[in-house]
Amino acid sequence: MITVQGVEGQTIGVLGLGRSGLVAARALRAGGAEVICWDDNASARTKAEAEGFVCDDLSKDKTIDQCSSLIVSPGIAHLYPAPNAAIAAALRAGVPVDNDIGLFFRSLATDEWDSFDTAPKVIAVTGSNGKSTTSALIHHILNECGKVSQLAGNIGRGVLDIDPPEDGDVIVLELSSYQTDLARALTPDVAVFTNLSEDHLDRHHGMGGYFAAKRRLFAEGGPDRAIIGVDETEGQFLAGQLAQTAQDDRVIRVSTTQKLDHFGWSVFVRKGFLSEYRKGKQVASIDLRAMTGLPGVHNHQNACCAYAACRSIGLAPRVIEQAMASYAGLPHRSQTIAEVNGVRYVNDSKATNVDSAKMALRAFKNIRWICGGLEKDGGLGALVDEVASVKKAYVIGREAASFAMQLACETEISTTMAAAVQQAHEEADEGDVVLLAPAAASFDQYDNFEQRGEDFIAQVHAIIAR
């Protein structure tokens, strides 16, 4: 655990007692703080009280007035669409509001680091899509190359739950916009911006606020190296703000749509080949096409970002390439489950919206597409031009019939996952891909997308075992 520094003798409120909140309370107590906890969920309060924490409603003036600061979990609104009642009370009282990310960055370095030959480094990854895969891929590469690394933040463990880093260790953080927006300290050594598309707009009051939350990782933190996806205008703008000139190699530009050969440092993909350019000259190339853990253009962007991050801390291109080749992918994200008789089964249950399903459909050919679920606002119109590689769609969910009517391809109303997998399996030919990419939320039939993906995996394994 990372012990929070500079809080001895202070009373600090912790709002939200989920994975990150309870760990923050423990880390604050280890640093000598008195902690007052609160969560609207009674069972969460009971769990905290069992560990000896005092629980009191932080929205009460008499409670918040005792606090020198308030630490907030990422799922709790702090500004838009309206501040949580406890945060509103803190703002009225002038109590600073922070989160576990802010505590982490101000507490990570210790006096022990003075004796290290190489100070530990932090690589922080943000963006709309691909940040989990990019973070996990960086972590995988580092481990395969013999570097000790830990993965935390919006993926894996809470940031304060990791072990204190030793000499030369690397910490890889996935950071959401909720986390970067509120943190009072953001000081990564390497910061990565994958891309930007519409998401969480209610929490950020529109695209401008959403981009501003992501931008804080770079503007507030001043990383030694910034890796920026420049396939959207926002990324181009951010890279331009951070670089002194086009040749400033503190900024590494990344693209999957354009050749970037006129900057100080860039990494891009063309026709499945990753290229690294330094000052107008190609210095490395990697063939990504055969890497089954990184299918499709969207994963090629993730590969570029991960490659650039690892290069920026001194790893050699061929070492990175070898490590990438053994990356199996994250569960439920373009995850190859099996390949039997020339038919490949891919679980992309995380494709819960139209944009992510579009990327999955572009990644494969000869697709037997399992889709459907709780349809999101905006409909499926954006997928009309994305079904050229779909041989047939097998639609699941309670509203499978209405979902199927919007698809411009041959469809089968399967309703259940078991029926969809069975039908796709029976009709698949050698060279086909049975792809779960729902383009919808899971809550009509499942508790979450993970449970939906696990059902797909179970059905595939059951068929293979027969």
Protein backbone atom coordinates (compact mmCIF):
# COMPACT_ATOMS: atom_id res chain seq x y z
CA MET A 1 0.00 0.00 0.00
CA ILE A 2 1.11 3.59 -0.68
CA THR A 3 0.98 5.49 2.61
CA VAL A 4 -0.42 9.00 2.14
CA GLN A 5 2.09 11.65 3.15
CA GLY A 6 1.49 15.03 4.76
CA VAL A 7 -1.77 14.18 6.53
CA GLU A 8 -0.64 13.32 10.05
CA GLY A 9 -3.04 14.74 12.64
CA GLN A 10 -5.57 15.88 10.03
CA THR A 11 -9.20 14.83 9.82
CA ILE A 12 -10.06 13.85 6.25
CA GLY A 13 -13.38 12.80 4.77
CA VAL A 14 -13.68 9.90 2.30
CA LEU A 15 -16.83 9.88 0.18
CA GLY A 16 -17.62 6.57 -1.55
CA LEU A 17 -16.42 3.26 -0.13
CA GLY A 18 -15.99 1.13 -3.21
CA ARG A 19 -12.69 -0.31 -4.43
CA SER A 20 -10.76 2.97 -4.46
CA GLY A 21 -12.50 4.68 -1.54
CA LEU A 22 -11.86 2.07 1.13
CA VAL A 23 -8.24 1.73 0.04
CA ALA A 24 -7.86 5.52 0.26
CA ALA A 25 -9.24 5.45 3.80
CA ARG A 26 -6.70 2.79 4.79
CA ALA A 27 -3.81 4.70 3.17
CA LEU A 28 -4.84 7.92 4.91
CA ARG A 29 -5.05 6.18 8.28
CA ALA A 30 -1.60 4.66 7.68
CA GLY A 31 -0.34 8.21 7.15
CA GLY A 32 -1.65 9.32 10.53
CA ALA A 33 -4.96 10.92 9.51
CA GLU A 34 -8.28 10.60 11.30
CA VAL A 35 -10.76 9.43 8.64
CA ILE A 36 -14.50 10.05 8.47
CA CYS A 37 -16.17 7.85 5.86
CA TRP A 38 -19.51 7.96 4.12
CA ASP A 39 -21.34 5.97 1.47
CA ASP A 40 -25.08 6.01 0.75
CA ASN A 41 -24.92 2.21 0.66
CA ALA A 42 -25.43 0.83 4.17
CA SER A 43 -23.51 -2.39 3.45
CA ALA A 44 -20.48 -0.37 2.33
CA ARG A 45 -20.60 1.60 5.60
CA THR A 46 -20.87 -1.63 7.60
CA LYS A 47 -17.75 -2.96 5.89
CA ALA A 48 -15.82 0.22 6.70
CA GLU A 49 -17.01 0.22 10.31
CA ALA A 50 -15.81 -3.38 10.63
CA GLU A 51 -12.31 -2.05 9.90
CA GLY A 52 -12.65 0.55 12.63
CA PHE A 53 -13.56 3.57 10.51
CA VAL A 54 -16.04 6.17 11.73
CA CYS A 55 -18.94 6.69 9.32
CA ASP A 56 -20.89 9.94 9.39
CA ASP A 57 -22.91 11.80 6.77
CA LEU A 58 -20.41 14.17 5.14
CA SER A 59 -23.20 16.33 3.70
CA LYS A 60 -23.90 17.63 7.22
CA ASP A 61 -22.17 20.93 7.94
CA LYS A 62 -21.09 19.78 11.42
CA THR A 63 -19.33 16.78 9.85
CA ILE A 64 -17.68 18.40 6.83
CA ASP A 65 -16.48 21.33 8.97
CA GLN A 66 -14.21 18.90 10.83
CA CYS A 67 -12.41 17.93 7.62
CA SER A 68 -9.28 19.51 6.16
CA SER A 69 -10.05 17.86 2.80
CA LEU A 70 -12.56 15.53 1.14
CA ILE A 71 -11.47 12.54 -0.95
CA VAL A 72 -14.06 11.53 -3.54
CA SER A 73 -14.52 8.26 -5.46
CA PRO A 74 -14.67 8.60 -9.27
CA GLY A 75 -18.31 7.53 -9.70
CA ILE A 76 -19.60 10.49 -7.69
CA ALA A 77 -20.50 13.70 -9.54
CA HIS A 78 -18.51 16.69 -8.28
CA LEU A 79 -19.69 19.40 -10.67
CA TYR A 80 -22.06 18.28 -13.43
CA PRO A 81 -24.92 17.55 -13.76
CA ALA A 82 -24.94 18.65 -10.09
CA PRO A 83 -22.50 18.15 -7.21
CA ASN A 84 -23.22 15.38 -4.75
CA ALA A 85 -24.64 16.79 -1.50
CA ALA A 86 -21.43 16.09 0.46
CA ILE A 87 -19.29 17.74 -2.21
CA ALA A 88 -21.64 20.73 -2.29
CA ALA A 89 -21.22 21.04 1.47
CA ALA A 90 -17.42 20.89 1.10
CA LEU A 91 -17.46 23.57 -1.59
CA ARG A 92 -19.58 25.88 0.60
CA ALA A 93 -17.23 25.34 3.52
CA GLY A 94 -14.06 25.85 1.46
CA VAL A 95 -12.88 22.29 2.10
CA PRO A 96 -10.53 21.17 -0.72
CA VAL A 97 -11.84 18.26 -2.81
CA ASP A 98 -9.40 15.66 -4.16
CA ASN A 99 -9.32 11.98 -5.10
CA ASP A 100 -7.07 8.96 -4.67
CA ILE A 101 -5.12 9.85 -7.82
CA GLY A 102 -4.14 13.19 -6.30
CA LEU A 103 -3.12 11.48 -3.06
CA PHE A 104 -1.07 8.94 -5.02
CA PHE A 105 0.97 11.46 -6.97
CA ARG A 106 1.79 13.58 -3.94
CA SER A 107 2.72 10.53 -1.84
CA LEU A 108 4.58 8.22 -4.23
CA ALA A 109 8.14 9.52 -3.90
CA THR A 110 9.83 8.88 -0.54
CA ASP A 111 13.22 9.57 0.99
CA GLU A 112 14.17 5.98 0.09
CA TRP A 113 14.27 7.01 -3.57
CA ASP A 114 17.47 8.98 -2.88
CA SER A 115 19.33 5.66 -2.63
CA PHE A 116 17.94 4.25 -5.90
CA ASP A 117 20.14 4.07 -9.00
CA THR A 118 17.05 4.64 -11.17
CA ALA A 119 13.99 6.45 -9.85
CA PRO A 120 10.68 4.64 -10.44
CA LYS A 121 8.60 5.97 -13.33
CA VAL A 122 4.87 6.43 -13.84
CA ILE A 123 3.22 5.97 -17.24
CA ALA A 124 -0.36 7.31 -17.24
CA VAL A 125 -2.84 6.53 -20.03
CA THR A 126 -6.09 8.37 -20.77
CA GLY A 127 -8.47 8.74 -23.72
CA SER A 128 -11.96 7.69 -24.77
CA ASN A 129 -11.25 4.27 -26.26
CA GLY A 130 -8.40 1.81 -25.97
CA LYS A 131 -6.90 3.04 -22.72
CA SER A 132 -7.43 -0.30 -20.94
CA THR A 133 -5.79 -2.29 -23.75
CA THR A 134 -2.98 0.26 -24.09
CA SER A 135 -2.28 0.19 -20.35
CA ALA A 136 -2.40 -3.61 -20.18
CA LEU A 137 -0.17 -3.91 -23.24
CA ILE A 138 2.45 -1.56 -21.77
CA HIS A 139 2.37 -3.58 -18.55
CA HIS A 140 2.74 -6.84 -20.52
CA ILE A 141 5.67 -5.53 -22.57
CA LEU A 142 7.49 -4.29 -19.47
CA ASN A 143 7.06 -7.61 -17.68
CA GLU A 144 8.14 -9.61 -20.74
CA CYS A 145 11.23 -7.42 -20.99
CA GLY A 146 12.21 -8.06 -17.38
CA LYS A 147 11.03 -4.73 -15.97
CA VAL A 148 9.12 -4.85 -12.71
CA SER A 149 5.81 -3.06 -13.25
CA GLN A 150 2.42 -2.68 -11.58
CA LEU A 151 -0.90 -1.93 -13.29
CA ALA A 152 -3.46 0.18 -11.46
CA GLY A 153 -6.02 2.99 -11.61
CA ASN A 154 -9.13 2.46 -13.68
CA ILE A 155 -7.92 -1.10 -14.35
CA GLY A 156 -6.68 -3.69 -11.89
CA ARG A 157 -5.90 -2.35 -8.41
CA GLY A 158 -6.62 1.03 -6.88
CA VAL A 159 -3.60 3.33 -7.13
CA LEU A 160 -3.01 3.43 -3.38
CA ASP A 161 -3.29 -0.37 -3.12
CA ILE A 162 -0.08 -1.09 -5.06
CA ASP A 163 3.25 -1.93 -3.46
CA PRO A 164 5.73 0.92 -2.98
CA PRO A 165 7.95 0.79 -6.09
CA GLU A 166 11.57 -0.27 -5.85
CA ASP A 167 14.67 0.83 -7.78
CA GLY A 168 13.85 1.11 -11.51
CA ASP A 169 10.23 -0.08 -11.23
CA VAL A 170 7.49 1.25 -13.52
CA ILE A 171 3.88 1.96 -12.56
CA VAL A 172 1.29 1.94 -15.36
CA LEU A 173 -1.96 3.79 -14.66
CA GLU A 174 -5.17 3.84 -16.67
CA LEU A 175 -6.94 7.10 -15.82
CA SER A 176 -10.52 7.98 -16.70
CA SER A 177 -11.79 11.52 -17.22
CA TYR A 178 -13.47 11.32 -13.80
CA GLN A 179 -10.07 10.68 -12.23
CA THR A 180 -8.06 13.29 -14.12
CA ASP A 181 -10.75 15.95 -13.71
CA LEU A 182 -10.58 16.04 -9.91
CA ALA A 183 -7.00 15.10 -8.98
CA ARG A 184 -5.11 17.99 -7.37
CA ALA A 185 -1.75 16.44 -8.29
CA LEU A 186 -0.93 14.88 -11.67
CA THR A 187 2.76 14.30 -12.31
CA PRO A 188 3.39 11.26 -14.54
CA ASP A 189 6.76 10.80 -16.24
CA VAL A 190 5.05 9.67 -19.46
CA ALA A 191 1.45 10.57 -20.36
CA VAL A 192 -0.58 8.97 -23.16
CA PHE A 193 -3.69 10.34 -24.91
CA THR A 194 -5.22 7.67 -27.15
CA ASN A 195 -8.19 9.41 -28.80
CA LEU A 196 -11.38 11.32 -28.11
CA SER A 197 -15.01 10.53 -28.90
CA GLU A 198 -18.30 11.42 -27.22
CA ASP A 199 -18.66 9.86 -23.77
CA HIS A 200 -19.66 10.89 -20.24
CA LEU A 201 -20.92 14.22 -21.59
CA ASP A 202 -23.42 14.68 -18.75
CA ARG A 203 -20.58 14.56 -16.21
CA HIS A 204 -18.49 17.08 -18.12
CA HIS A 205 -21.22 19.37 -19.50
CA GLY A 206 -20.35 18.58 -23.11
CA MET A 207 -17.35 17.73 -25.28
CA GLY A 208 -15.39 20.82 -24.24
CA GLY A 209 -15.49 19.84 -20.58
CA TYR A 210 -14.73 16.23 -21.42
CA PHE A 211 -11.63 17.19 -23.41
CA ALA A 212 -10.57 19.62 -20.68
CA ALA A 213 -10.68 16.80 -18.13
CA LYS A 214 -8.37 14.66 -20.29
CA ARG A 215 -6.11 17.60 -21.05
CA ARG A 216 -5.39 18.15 -17.35
CA LEU A 217 -3.10 15.10 -17.32
CA PHE A 218 -0.77 17.00 -19.65
CA ALA A 219 -1.34 20.64 -18.70
CA GLU A 220 -1.19 20.11 -14.93
CA GLY A 221 1.34 17.30 -14.91
CA GLY A 222 4.00 18.48 -17.34
CA PRO A 223 5.16 14.94 -18.27
CA ASP A 224 8.69 14.45 -19.57
CA ARG A 225 7.19 12.73 -22.62
CA ALA A 226 3.68 13.10 -24.07
CA ILE A 227 2.29 10.51 -26.49
CA ILE A 228 -0.68 11.94 -28.38
CA GLY A 229 -3.11 10.30 -30.79
CA VAL A 230 -3.62 12.90 -33.50
CA ASP A 231 -6.40 11.34 -35.59
CA GLU A 232 -8.91 13.81 -34.08
CA THR A 233 -8.72 17.58 -33.98
CA GLU A 234 -8.48 17.57 -30.19
CA GLY A 235 -5.35 15.41 -30.29
CA GLN A 236 -3.76 17.65 -32.92
CA PHE A 237 -4.58 20.68 -30.77
CA LEU A 238 -3.12 19.08 -27.64
CA ALA A 239 0.09 18.05 -29.42
CA GLY A 240 0.44 21.58 -30.77
CA GLN A 241 0.00 23.07 -27.31
CA LEU A 242 2.65 20.84 -25.76
CA ALA A 243 5.34 21.02 -28.47
CA GLN A 244 7.56 24.05 -28.98
CA THR A 245 8.05 23.16 -32.65
CA ALA A 246 7.14 20.32 -34.99
CA GLN A 247 10.57 18.83 -34.25
CA ASP A 248 10.10 18.83 -30.48
CA ASP A 249 10.58 15.16 -29.62
CA ARG A 250 9.12 15.51 -26.15
CA VAL A 251 5.82 14.96 -27.98
CA ILE A 252 5.37 11.65 -29.83
CA ARG A 253 2.48 11.81 -32.28
CA VAL A 254 0.53 8.63 -33.04
CA SER A 255 -1.79 7.87 -35.98
CA THR A 256 -3.53 5.05 -37.83
CA THR A 257 -4.82 7.28 -40.64
CA GLN A 258 -1.83 9.28 -41.84
CA LYS A 259 1.89 9.03 -42.43
CA LEU A 260 3.72 11.14 -39.84
CA ASP A 261 7.22 11.50 -41.25
CA HIS A 262 7.87 15.21 -40.73
CA PHE A 263 7.88 15.46 -36.92
CA GLY A 264 10.65 15.09 -34.37
CA TRP A 265 9.23 11.77 -33.19
CA SER A 266 6.19 9.84 -34.41
CA VAL A 267 4.71 6.33 -34.52
CA PHE A 268 2.03 5.35 -37.04
CA VAL A 269 0.46 2.37 -38.78
CA ARG A 270 -0.06 1.87 -42.50
CA LYS A 271 -1.43 -1.39 -43.96
CA GLY A 272 -0.77 -3.23 -40.73
CA PHE A 273 2.86 -2.11 -40.31
CA LEU A 274 3.89 0.03 -37.36
CA SER A 275 6.60 2.56 -38.23
CA GLU A 276 8.68 4.70 -35.92
CA TYR A 277 10.15 7.91 -37.36
CA ARG A 278 12.74 10.19 -35.74
CA LYS A 279 13.53 13.53 -37.37
CA GLY A 280 12.21 12.43 -40.77
CA LYS A 281 13.90 9.02 -40.85
CA GLN A 282 12.40 5.60 -40.20
CA VAL A 283 14.17 3.85 -37.34
CA ALA A 284 11.96 0.78 -36.80
CA SER A 285 9.08 -1.21 -38.29
CA ILE A 286 6.84 -3.97 -36.86
CA ASP A 287 4.36 -6.18 -38.69
CA LEU A 288 1.19 -6.19 -36.56
CA ARG A 289 -0.96 -8.23 -38.91
CA ALA A 290 -0.23 -11.63 -37.41
CA MET A 291 -0.59 -10.53 -33.77
CA THR A 292 -3.85 -12.20 -32.77
CA GLY A 293 -4.07 -10.27 -29.50
CA LEU A 294 -4.15 -6.97 -31.39
CA PRO A 295 -6.65 -7.31 -34.26
CA GLY A 296 -8.00 -4.34 -36.18
CA VAL A 297 -7.10 -0.70 -36.67
CA HIS A 298 -8.28 0.31 -33.20
CA ASN A 299 -5.86 -2.17 -31.62
CA HIS A 300 -3.12 -0.99 -33.94
CA GLN A 301 -3.56 2.46 -32.45
CA ASN A 302 -3.25 0.91 -28.98
CA ALA A 303 -0.08 -0.85 -30.15
CA CYS A 304 1.38 2.44 -31.40
CA CYS A 305 0.70 4.16 -28.08
CA ALA A 306 2.14 1.28 -26.06
CA TYR A 307 5.18 1.05 -28.34
CA ALA A 308 5.85 4.78 -28.01
CA ALA A 309 5.52 4.64 -24.22
CA CYS A 310 7.99 1.76 -23.96
CA ARG A 311 10.42 3.40 -26.39
CA SER A 312 10.29 6.59 -24.34
CA ILE A 313 11.69 4.76 -21.31
CA GLY A 314 14.48 3.14 -23.31
CA LEU A 315 13.25 -0.27 -24.54
CA ALA A 316 14.55 -1.42 -27.93
CA PRO A 317 12.17 -1.95 -30.90
CA ARG A 318 12.87 -5.66 -31.35
CA VAL A 319 12.41 -6.36 -27.64
CA ILE A 320 9.04 -4.57 -27.77
CA GLU A 321 8.04 -6.49 -30.90
CA GLN A 322 8.77 -9.87 -29.30
CA ALA A 323 6.73 -8.93 -26.23
CA MET A 324 3.80 -7.68 -28.32
CA ALA A 325 3.64 -10.99 -30.18
CA SER A 326 2.83 -12.83 -26.95
CA TYR A 327 0.08 -10.43 -25.83
CA ALA A 328 -3.21 -12.35 -25.57
CA GLY A 329 -5.52 -9.36 -25.19
CA LEU A 330 -7.79 -8.29 -22.35
CA PRO A 331 -10.85 -10.33 -21.42
CA HIS A 332 -13.96 -9.24 -23.34
CA ARG A 333 -12.00 -6.96 -25.70
CA SER A 334 -11.36 -8.65 -29.07
CA GLN A 335 -10.42 -11.73 -27.05
CA THR A 336 -9.82 -14.86 -29.11
CA ILE A 337 -11.48 -17.70 -27.21
CA ALA A 338 -10.75 -20.60 -29.55
CA GLU A 339 -10.01 -21.54 -33.14
CA VAL A 340 -11.47 -24.90 -34.22
CA ASN A 341 -11.65 -26.31 -37.77
CA GLY A 342 -10.59 -22.96 -39.15
CA VAL A 343 -13.35 -21.04 -37.32
CA ARG A 344 -12.24 -18.36 -34.87
CA TYR A 345 -14.38 -17.37 -31.85
CA VAL A 346 -13.85 -13.80 -30.60
CA ASN A 347 -15.32 -12.22 -27.46
CA ASP A 348 -15.72 -8.43 -27.67
CA SER A 349 -18.49 -8.08 -25.09
CA LYS A 350 -16.98 -4.69 -24.14
CA ALA A 351 -18.31 -3.37 -27.48
CA THR A 352 -21.30 -1.90 -25.66
CA ASN A 353 -21.94 0.97 -28.09
CA VAL A 354 -22.10 1.52 -31.83
CA ASP A 355 -18.62 3.07 -32.12
CA SER A 356 -16.87 0.17 -30.41
CA ALA A 357 -18.87 -2.40 -32.40
CA LYS A 358 -17.90 -0.59 -35.59
CA MET A 359 -14.21 -1.02 -34.73
CA ALA A 360 -14.74 -4.72 -34.03
CA LEU A 361 -16.53 -5.26 -37.36
CA ARG A 362 -13.69 -3.54 -39.20
CA ALA A 363 -11.14 -5.85 -37.57
CA PHE A 364 -12.33 -9.11 -39.17
CA LYS A 365 -13.66 -10.67 -42.38
CA ASN A 366 -16.30 -13.37 -42.91
CA ILE A 367 -18.10 -12.51 -39.68
CA ARG A 368 -20.86 -14.45 -37.96
CA TRP A 369 -21.94 -11.53 -35.77
CA ILE A 370 -23.63 -12.01 -32.39
CA CYS A 371 -25.16 -8.70 -31.37
CA GLY A 372 -28.04 -7.12 -29.50
CA GLY A 373 -29.04 -6.17 -25.98
CA LEU A 374 -30.27 -2.96 -24.39
CA GLU A 375 -30.07 -0.44 -27.22
CA LYS A 376 -28.47 2.92 -26.46
CA ASP A 377 -29.62 6.37 -27.59
CA GLY A 378 -28.93 7.18 -31.23
CA GLY A 379 -29.91 3.83 -32.71
CA LEU A 380 -27.80 1.68 -34.99
CA GLY A 381 -27.64 3.93 -38.05
CA ALA A 382 -23.86 4.29 -37.85
CA LEU A 383 -23.49 0.54 -38.44
CA VAL A 384 -25.34 0.50 -41.78
CA ASP A 385 -22.13 0.89 -43.79
CA GLU A 386 -20.09 -1.45 -41.54
CA VAL A 387 -21.68 -4.81 -42.37
CA ALA A 388 -19.91 -5.64 -45.64
CA SER A 389 -17.88 -8.34 -43.86
CA VAL A 390 -20.89 -9.76 -42.01
CA LYS A 391 -22.18 -13.02 -43.44
CA LYS A 392 -25.03 -13.16 -40.94
CA ALA A 393 -26.10 -11.53 -37.67
CA TYR A 394 -27.48 -13.55 -34.75
CA VAL A 395 -29.42 -11.15 -32.54
CA ILE A 396 -29.83 -11.67 -28.80
CA GLY A 397 -31.74 -9.72 -26.15
CA ARG A 398 -35.30 -9.10 -25.10
CA GLU A 399 -35.86 -6.75 -28.02
CA ALA A 400 -34.02 -8.87 -30.59
CA ALA A 401 -36.70 -8.47 -33.27
CA SER A 402 -36.68 -4.66 -33.26
CA PHE A 403 -32.86 -4.64 -33.07
CA ALA A 404 -32.64 -6.99 -36.07
CA MET A 405 -34.91 -4.76 -38.17
CA GLN A 406 -32.27 -2.00 -38.08
CA LEU A 407 -29.46 -4.16 -39.47
CA ALA A 408 -28.64 -4.08 -43.18
CA CYS A 409 -27.60 -7.73 -43.37
CA GLU A 410 -29.08 -11.20 -43.09
CA THR A 411 -30.28 -11.77 -39.54
CA GLU A 412 -31.40 -14.57 -37.25
CA ILE A 413 -33.45 -13.73 -34.14
CA SER A 414 -31.70 -15.96 -31.63
CA THR A 415 -32.74 -14.16 -28.42
CA THR A 416 -30.39 -16.12 -26.12
CA MET A 417 -26.61 -16.44 -26.17
CA ALA A 418 -26.84 -20.24 -26.20
CA ALA A 419 -28.99 -20.25 -29.31
CA ALA A 420 -26.86 -17.62 -31.06
CA VAL A 421 -23.57 -19.46 -30.48
CA GLN A 422 -25.11 -22.78 -31.51
CA GLN A 423 -26.58 -21.36 -34.74
CA ALA A 424 -23.38 -19.50 -35.67
CA HIS A 425 -21.31 -22.60 -34.98
CA GLU A 426 -23.51 -24.82 -37.14
CA GLU A 427 -23.44 -22.41 -40.08
CA ALA A 428 -19.79 -21.29 -39.88
CA ASP A 429 -17.37 -22.26 -42.64
CA GLU A 430 -13.59 -22.50 -42.50
CA GLY A 431 -12.20 -18.97 -42.40
CA ASP A 432 -15.24 -17.51 -40.61
CA VAL A 433 -15.10 -15.52 -37.37
CA VAL A 434 -17.87 -15.91 -34.79
CA LEU A 435 -17.77 -12.47 -33.19
CA LEU A 436 -19.62 -11.25 -30.11
CA ALA A 437 -19.76 -7.46 -30.51
CA PRO A 438 -23.17 -6.51 -29.08
CA ALA A 439 -23.36 -2.76 -29.94
CA ALA A 440 -25.64 -2.53 -26.90
CA ALA A 441 -25.65 -2.61 -23.13
CA SER A 442 -26.04 -5.93 -21.34
CA PHE A 443 -28.56 -5.05 -18.66
CA ASP A 444 -31.63 -6.60 -20.32
CA GLN A 445 -30.18 -10.11 -19.77
CA TYR A 446 -26.98 -9.73 -17.72
CA ASP A 447 -25.64 -7.76 -14.75
CA ASN A 448 -22.73 -6.38 -16.79
CA PHE A 449 -20.75 -6.86 -20.00
CA GLU A 450 -18.31 -9.19 -18.21
CA GLN A 451 -21.10 -11.62 -17.36
CA ARG A 452 -22.30 -11.51 -20.96
CA GLY A 453 -18.79 -12.27 -22.21
CA GLU A 454 -18.39 -15.13 -19.76
CA ASP A 455 -21.65 -16.64 -21.04
CA PHE A 456 -20.32 -16.45 -24.61
CA ILE A 457 -17.09 -18.15 -23.53
CA ALA A 458 -18.99 -20.88 -21.69
CA GLN A 459 -21.22 -21.57 -24.68
CA VAL A 460 -18.23 -21.76 -27.05
CA HIS A 461 -16.33 -24.13 -24.75
CA ALA A 462 -19.44 -26.31 -24.34
CA ILE A 463 -19.80 -26.70 -28.10
CA ILE A 464 -16.11 -27.42 -28.61
CA ALA A 465 -16.15 -30.08 -25.88
CA ARG A 466 -18.91 -32.11 -27.57
